[in-house]
Protein backbone atom coordinates (compact mmCIF):
# COMPACT_ATOMS: atom_id res chain seq x y z
CA MET A 1 13.69 -6.96 -9.87
CA VAL A 2 17.81 -7.14 -8.81
CA ILE A 3 19.09 -4.03 -7.54
CA GLY A 4 22.63 -4.59 -6.38
CA VAL A 5 22.58 -6.88 -3.80
CA VAL A 6 18.56 -6.98 -2.80
CA ARG A 7 16.45 -8.44 -4.59
CA LEU A 8 12.60 -7.11 -4.87
CA VAL A 9 10.06 -9.59 -3.81
CA PRO A 10 6.69 -8.45 -4.51
CA ILE A 11 4.21 -8.53 -1.69
CA GLU A 12 2.27 -11.48 -1.25
CA PRO A 13 -1.35 -9.97 -0.91
CA LYS A 14 -3.81 -11.05 2.84
CA PRO A 15 -5.25 -14.20 3.04
CA ALA A 16 -8.81 -13.70 2.67
CA PRO A 17 -11.10 -13.47 5.41
CA ARG A 18 -11.55 -17.08 6.47
CA LEU A 19 -15.08 -18.42 8.54
CA TRP A 20 -13.49 -20.07 12.10
CA LEU A 21 -15.47 -21.66 14.61
CA ILE A 22 -13.56 -20.96 17.99
CA PHE A 23 -14.54 -23.17 21.14
CA PHE A 24 -14.13 -22.06 25.10
CA GLY A 25 -14.31 -24.76 27.39
CA GLU A 26 -12.57 -26.49 30.09
CA ALA A 27 -8.76 -26.71 30.27
CA HIS A 28 -7.01 -29.67 30.08
CA GLY A 29 -5.38 -31.16 32.77
CA ARG A 30 -7.10 -29.55 35.80
CA PRO A 31 -3.71 -26.82 35.66
CA TRP A 32 -3.57 -24.81 38.62
CA TRP A 33 -4.13 -21.82 36.86
CA SER A 34 -7.18 -22.70 35.89
CA ARG A 35 -8.71 -21.56 39.01
CA PHE A 36 -8.58 -18.24 38.21
CA PHE A 37 -11.00 -18.22 35.57
CA ARG A 38 -14.37 -18.54 35.04
CA PRO A 39 -15.38 -22.33 34.73
CA GLY A 40 -16.32 -22.98 31.24
CA TYR A 41 -14.36 -20.74 29.90
CA ARG A 42 -10.82 -21.74 30.83
CA HIS A 43 -8.97 -22.92 27.61
CA VAL A 44 -10.26 -21.74 24.00
CA CYS A 45 -8.99 -23.56 20.84
CA ALA A 46 -10.04 -22.74 16.65
CA ALA A 47 -10.71 -24.91 13.91
CA ALA A 48 -11.92 -23.76 9.76
CA TRP A 49 -12.87 -25.86 6.81
CA PHE A 50 -10.12 -24.58 4.33
CA ASP A 51 -12.45 -25.52 1.12
CA GLN A 52 -9.49 -25.29 -1.26
CA THR A 53 -7.90 -28.58 -0.17
CA SER A 54 -11.58 -30.45 1.38
CA ARG A 55 -9.12 -30.19 5.37
CA TRP A 56 -10.32 -28.89 8.04
CA VAL A 57 -7.26 -27.00 10.47
CA PHE A 58 -7.60 -27.10 14.07
CA ILE A 59 -5.74 -25.27 15.92
CA ASP A 60 -4.97 -26.02 19.48
CA PRO A 61 -2.56 -23.39 21.84
CA THR A 62 -1.51 -24.96 25.12
CA LEU A 63 1.52 -24.72 28.06
CA ARG A 64 3.32 -27.39 25.82
CA GLY A 65 2.87 -26.02 22.39
CA ILE A 66 0.24 -25.11 19.89
CA GLN A 67 -0.84 -28.29 18.53
CA ILE A 68 -2.26 -28.32 14.69
CA GLU A 69 -3.92 -30.94 13.15
CA ILE A 70 -4.73 -30.79 8.44
CA GLU A 71 -7.44 -32.95 8.61
CA THR A 72 -10.21 -34.74 5.76
CA ASP A 73 -13.13 -34.41 7.12
CA GLU A 74 -13.65 -37.97 8.07
CA ALA A 75 -10.89 -37.76 10.23
CA PHE A 76 -11.78 -34.72 12.12
CA ALA A 77 -15.07 -35.91 13.28
CA GLY A 78 -14.05 -37.75 15.82
CA ARG A 79 -12.43 -34.16 17.43
CA TRP A 80 -15.88 -32.81 16.21
CA GLY A 81 -17.12 -35.40 18.32
CA GLN A 82 -15.56 -34.20 21.50
CA LEU A 83 -14.95 -30.31 20.83
CA TRP A 84 -19.22 -30.93 19.94
CA ARG A 85 -19.10 -32.39 23.68
CA ASP A 86 -17.16 -30.30 24.90
CA SER A 87 -17.85 -27.40 24.40
CA THR A 88 -19.49 -24.82 26.56
CA VAL A 89 -20.09 -22.18 23.56
CA ILE A 90 -19.11 -22.09 19.99
CA LEU A 91 -18.63 -18.76 18.57
CA ARG A 92 -18.28 -18.72 14.07
CA MET A 93 -16.31 -15.58 13.28
CA ARG A 94 -15.01 -14.38 10.53
CA SER A 95 -10.99 -13.76 10.80
CA ALA A 96 -9.55 -10.09 9.59
CA HIS A 97 -6.41 -10.54 9.56
CA ASP A 98 -5.86 -7.08 10.44
CA SER A 99 -3.19 -7.84 13.33
CA GLY A 100 -0.26 -8.92 11.79
CA ARG A 101 1.63 -9.34 14.73
CA LEU A 102 1.75 -12.09 17.67
CA PRO A 103 0.31 -10.95 21.22
CA PRO A 104 3.16 -9.92 24.10
CA MET A 105 2.38 -13.00 26.04
CA PHE A 106 1.63 -16.61 24.08
CA TRP A 107 -1.26 -18.40 25.69
CA CYS A 108 -4.98 -19.55 24.59
CA VAL A 109 -6.23 -16.71 24.48
CA GLY A 110 -3.47 -14.05 22.88
CA ALA A 111 -2.68 -17.61 20.12
CA VAL A 112 -6.77 -17.07 18.66
CA LYS A 113 -6.40 -12.93 18.74
CA SER A 114 -3.58 -13.20 16.76
CA LEU A 115 -5.59 -16.09 14.89
CA LEU A 116 -8.27 -13.93 14.24
CA GLY A 117 -6.85 -10.72 13.48
CA ILE A 118 -8.48 -9.15 15.79
CA ARG A 119 -6.91 -6.25 18.67
CA SER A 120 -8.41 -7.15 22.02
CA CYS A 121 -7.34 -6.20 25.48
CA ALA A 122 -8.63 -9.79 26.71
CA LEU A 123 -6.40 -11.93 28.93
CA SER A 124 -8.86 -14.76 30.34
CA PRO A 125 -10.75 -16.93 27.40
CA PHE A 126 -14.20 -15.15 28.91
CA GLN A 127 -12.17 -11.77 28.13
CA LEU A 128 -12.07 -13.01 24.65
CA PHE A 129 -16.05 -14.37 24.39
CA ARG A 130 -17.17 -10.86 25.15
CA ASP A 131 -14.66 -9.38 22.99
CA LEU A 132 -15.18 -11.14 19.90
CA LEU A 133 -18.82 -11.06 20.81
CA ALA A 134 -19.01 -7.37 20.67
CA HIS A 135 -16.69 -7.75 16.93
CA GLY A 136 -19.58 -9.50 15.82
CA ALA A 137 -18.94 -13.39 16.86
CA GLU A 138 -22.27 -15.33 16.62
CA ILE A 139 -22.54 -17.88 19.23
CA VAL A 140 -23.51 -21.29 17.05
CA GLU A 141 -26.51 -23.05 17.85
CA ARG A 142 -26.00 -26.53 19.21
CA PRO A 143 -28.26 -29.41 18.30
CA LYS A 144 -30.41 -31.32 21.11
CA GLU A 145 -28.93 -34.59 22.54
CA ALA A 146 -31.66 -36.63 20.01
CA GLU A 147 -30.24 -34.93 16.97
CA ILE A 148 -26.91 -35.90 17.63
CA GLY A 149 -26.03 -38.64 15.55
CA LYS A 150 -28.38 -38.84 13.46
CA SER A 151 -27.46 -37.79 10.24
CA VAL A 152 -25.20 -34.45 9.33
CA ARG A 153 -26.14 -31.46 8.72
CA LYS A 154 -25.75 -30.05 5.30
CA PRO A 155 -24.13 -26.95 5.27
CA ALA A 156 -26.17 -23.39 4.90
CA SER A 157 -25.60 -21.50 2.08
CA SER A 158 -23.93 -18.72 3.91
CA CYS A 159 -21.23 -21.08 5.82
CA ALA A 160 -20.56 -23.37 2.41
CA THR A 161 -19.54 -19.78 0.94
CA ALA A 162 -17.58 -18.33 4.04
CA GLY A 163 -15.78 -21.08 5.28
CA GLY A 164 -17.16 -24.61 4.80
CA PRO A 165 -18.57 -27.60 6.16
CA VAL A 166 -20.84 -27.12 9.23
CA ARG A 167 -22.20 -30.31 11.72
């Protein structure tokens, strides 16, 4: 509808909540500031399965910029193996799409908070880990070393409806 020079555009509905996997681990290249953070909790990144397009979306905020990869399940297998092997802990959490604004300081913690749509005062990856657990995130159970590579687990019914395959 056009009113004078202003055109009214209908507001798009908020996106459906998505099930994200959040990976906590060491920072890439051991930057100088990493010594101020808890070992194993110096960086955070996230990935989610988009069922409509049958693609993984991987988001890795770094000091050089934000890296976004959109891959098929087969193409994402290498990245998945690396994330699975190098992460200290992996959480599974549904996004809230509540915040709607960028954090005042944009680094990996702020980017993941914005991505998940949660309100948190966390400044470090470990603080974010604790806040996500308090917001209802679940720790992803990892298979034993002997089980890795034998077969891909089929997604549980709750994961399939909530966000896609979990290996």
